[in-house]
Protein backbone atom coordinates (compact mmCIF):
# COMPACT_ATOMS: atom_id res chain seq x y z
CA MET A 1 121.09 100.69 71.54
CA ASN A 2 124.13 102.97 71.76
CA GLY A 3 126.28 103.38 74.89
CA THR A 4 124.54 106.58 76.01
CA SER A 5 121.08 105.03 75.63
CA MET A 6 122.22 101.94 77.51
CA TYR A 7 123.58 104.13 80.30
CA TRP A 8 120.28 106.00 80.72
CA TRP A 9 118.24 102.82 80.45
CA PHE A 10 120.35 101.25 83.20
CA TRP A 11 119.91 104.22 85.52
CA ASP A 12 116.19 104.45 84.81
CA ALA A 13 115.84 100.75 85.64
CA TYR A 14 118.07 101.05 88.73
CA LEU A 15 116.33 104.12 90.09
CA SER A 16 112.87 102.66 89.49
CA ARG A 17 113.63 99.88 91.99
CA SER A 18 114.16 102.42 94.76
CA ALA A 19 112.12 105.34 93.47
CA ALA A 20 109.13 106.59 95.36
CA TRP A 21 105.90 105.61 93.70
CA ALA A 22 102.95 107.92 93.23
CA VAL A 23 99.37 106.77 92.73
CA GLU A 24 96.80 109.06 91.16
CA ASP A 25 93.16 108.80 90.17
CA ALA A 26 92.75 107.49 86.62
CA ASP A 27 90.71 109.45 84.12
CA ALA A 28 89.73 109.18 80.44
CA GLY A 29 92.97 110.89 79.44
CA ASP A 30 94.84 107.77 80.60
CA ALA A 31 92.99 105.37 78.26
CA ASP A 32 95.80 105.04 75.67
CA GLU A 33 98.53 104.27 78.20
CA LEU A 34 96.39 101.96 80.31
CA SER A 35 95.23 100.06 77.25
CA GLU A 36 98.86 99.61 76.22
CA LEU A 37 99.76 98.30 79.70
CA HIS A 38 96.78 95.92 79.66
CA ARG A 39 97.61 94.57 76.20
CA ALA A 40 101.20 93.88 77.35
CA ALA A 41 100.06 92.10 80.51
CA PHE A 42 97.20 89.92 79.21
CA ALA A 43 96.67 87.66 76.20
CA ARG A 44 93.38 89.42 75.48
CA GLY A 45 94.18 93.05 76.16
CA TRP A 46 91.58 95.79 76.25
CA THR A 47 91.33 98.24 73.38
CA VAL A 48 91.58 102.00 73.89
CA ASP A 49 87.79 102.24 73.38
CA GLU A 50 87.13 99.57 76.03
CA MET A 51 89.48 101.29 78.46
CA ASP A 52 87.91 104.67 77.72
CA ALA A 53 84.43 103.26 78.40
CA LEU A 54 85.57 101.89 81.76
CA LEU A 55 87.28 105.14 82.75
CA ASN A 56 84.09 107.06 81.93
CA ASP A 57 81.87 104.69 83.92
CA ARG A 58 80.87 106.34 87.22
CA ALA A 59 80.81 102.96 88.96
CA VAL A 60 84.47 102.31 88.09
CA VAL A 61 87.28 103.40 90.41
CA GLY A 62 90.65 103.66 88.72
CA CYS A 63 94.17 104.36 89.96
CA VAL A 64 97.36 104.93 87.98
CA LEU A 65 100.85 104.07 89.22
CA ARG A 66 103.63 106.49 88.32
CA ARG A 67 107.09 107.22 89.64
CA GLU A 68 107.16 110.49 91.54
CA GLY A 69 107.93 113.31 89.16
CA ARG A 70 107.18 111.26 86.05
CA GLU A 71 104.22 111.41 83.70
CA ARG A 72 104.43 107.88 82.37
CA ALA A 73 102.05 105.24 83.74
CA TYR A 74 103.75 102.08 85.02
CA GLY A 75 100.61 100.36 86.26
CA PHE A 76 96.94 100.68 87.02
CA ALA A 77 94.07 99.19 88.99
CA LEU A 78 90.39 99.31 87.99
CA SER A 79 87.41 98.15 90.04
CA ARG A 80 83.66 98.33 89.58
CA VAL A 81 81.68 99.28 92.69
CA ALA A 82 78.12 98.11 93.38
CA GLU A 83 76.69 99.07 96.75
CA ASP A 84 79.22 97.94 99.37
CA GLU A 85 81.03 95.44 97.13
CA ALA A 86 83.71 95.95 94.48
CA GLU A 87 85.06 93.68 91.80
CA VAL A 88 88.65 94.28 90.77
CA LEU A 89 88.44 94.31 87.00
CA SER A 90 92.17 94.46 86.35
CA ILE A 91 95.49 95.28 87.92
CA ALA A 92 98.63 95.48 85.82
CA VAL A 93 102.18 96.68 86.34
CA ALA A 94 104.64 97.06 83.45
CA GLU A 95 106.79 93.95 83.27
CA ALA A 96 110.04 95.91 83.53
CA ARG A 97 108.82 97.48 86.79
CA ARG A 98 107.55 94.36 88.55
CA GLY A 99 109.25 93.46 91.80
CA ALA A 100 110.06 97.09 92.64
CA GLY A 101 107.23 97.62 95.16
CA GLY A 102 104.91 99.45 92.81
CA GLY A 103 102.25 96.73 92.83
CA ALA A 104 101.93 96.85 96.62
CA THR A 105 101.82 100.65 96.58
CA LEU A 106 99.17 100.60 93.86
CA LEU A 107 97.02 97.95 95.56
CA SER A 108 97.24 99.66 98.95
CA HIS A 109 96.11 102.99 97.51
CA HIS A 110 93.38 101.35 95.43
CA LEU A 111 91.98 99.46 98.41
CA GLY A 112 91.95 102.73 100.36
CA ARG A 113 89.99 104.40 97.57
CA LEU A 114 87.46 101.56 97.57
CA CYS A 115 87.13 101.68 101.34
CA GLY A 116 86.51 105.43 101.07
CA ARG A 117 83.60 104.67 98.73
CA GLY A 118 81.98 102.49 101.41
CA VAL A 119 83.13 99.14 100.00
CA ARG A 120 83.21 96.34 102.57
CA ARG A 121 83.91 93.34 100.32
CA ILE A 122 86.28 93.10 97.36
CA VAL A 123 86.46 90.18 94.94
CA LEU A 124 88.82 89.42 92.08
CA GLU A 125 90.03 86.64 89.82
CA VAL A 126 93.71 85.85 89.38
CA ASP A 127 95.44 83.27 87.20
CA GLU A 128 96.31 80.37 89.48
CA ASP A 129 99.78 80.27 87.90
CA ASN A 130 100.52 83.92 88.77
CA ALA A 131 102.53 83.28 91.93
CA ALA A 132 103.65 86.90 92.35
CA ALA A 133 100.09 88.25 92.22
CA LEU A 134 98.80 85.54 94.54
CA ALA A 135 101.53 86.37 97.08
CA LEU A 136 100.66 90.08 96.87
CA TYR A 137 96.94 89.45 97.39
CA ARG A 138 97.63 87.12 100.33
CA ARG A 139 99.79 89.82 101.93
CA PHE A 140 96.75 92.10 101.83
CA GLY A 141 94.47 89.47 103.37
CA PHE A 142 92.63 88.12 100.32
CA GLU A 143 91.42 84.54 100.68
CA GLN A 144 90.36 82.05 98.05
CA VAL A 145 86.59 81.63 97.83
CA GLY A 146 86.29 79.83 94.51
CA ARG A 147 87.90 78.66 91.27
CA ARG A 148 86.99 79.16 87.63
CA PRO A 149 88.41 76.51 85.27
CA ALA A 150 89.56 77.63 81.81
CA TYR A 151 88.91 81.28 82.69
CA TYR A 152 91.99 83.01 81.24
CA ALA A 153 93.05 82.90 77.61
CA ARG A 154 96.79 82.40 77.28
CA ALA A 155 99.04 83.59 74.48
CA ASP A 156 99.75 79.97 73.45
CA GLY A 157 96.02 79.31 72.92
CA THR A 158 95.50 77.31 76.11
CA ARG A 159 93.25 78.42 78.93
CA GLY A 160 94.21 78.83 82.56
CA ALA A 161 92.12 78.50 85.68
CA ALA A 162 91.40 81.49 87.89
CA LYS A 163 91.31 81.57 91.64
CA VAL A 164 88.50 83.74 92.97
CA LEU A 165 89.71 85.74 95.95
CA ALA A 166 87.82 87.95 98.37
CA LEU A 167 88.74 90.45 101.04
CA GLU A 168 86.33 91.46 103.78
CA LEU A 169 86.97 94.99 105.08
CA PRO A 170 86.07 96.10 108.63
């Protein structure tokens, strides 16, 4: 990386920590980027075809996290709605952008979208070793309602347990 590239990378990283985040509805045109984000975040990432199928499913609500004024996706949230309950299928934020407030912005907007669809209960699974995600979900009022041993495949071939969390909406 030359000096000019390093300079712009630094400022992009610096500004992203304080930049305003924008959250938009996801659509099929986002499948490539969201699949790339998912593959980077999980040992068993979703293919473009799998992501496309989810984004075209009428029961799936999707949100994309971007920095204001930017086209690039830095994160996403996908949930499947059935009646008044939703299951969060996946939430991911690009590793380089974690800790900059985007995850909270994304989750807040996504929960609002689900509430607007009449959802009153939201469930999700999270790796019990993912302290940052667990702290975020607790901040939003999610509580543990179960545990799934050996639920997540890990890059090293081991399997990690998932905590099952739920949030009851008024």
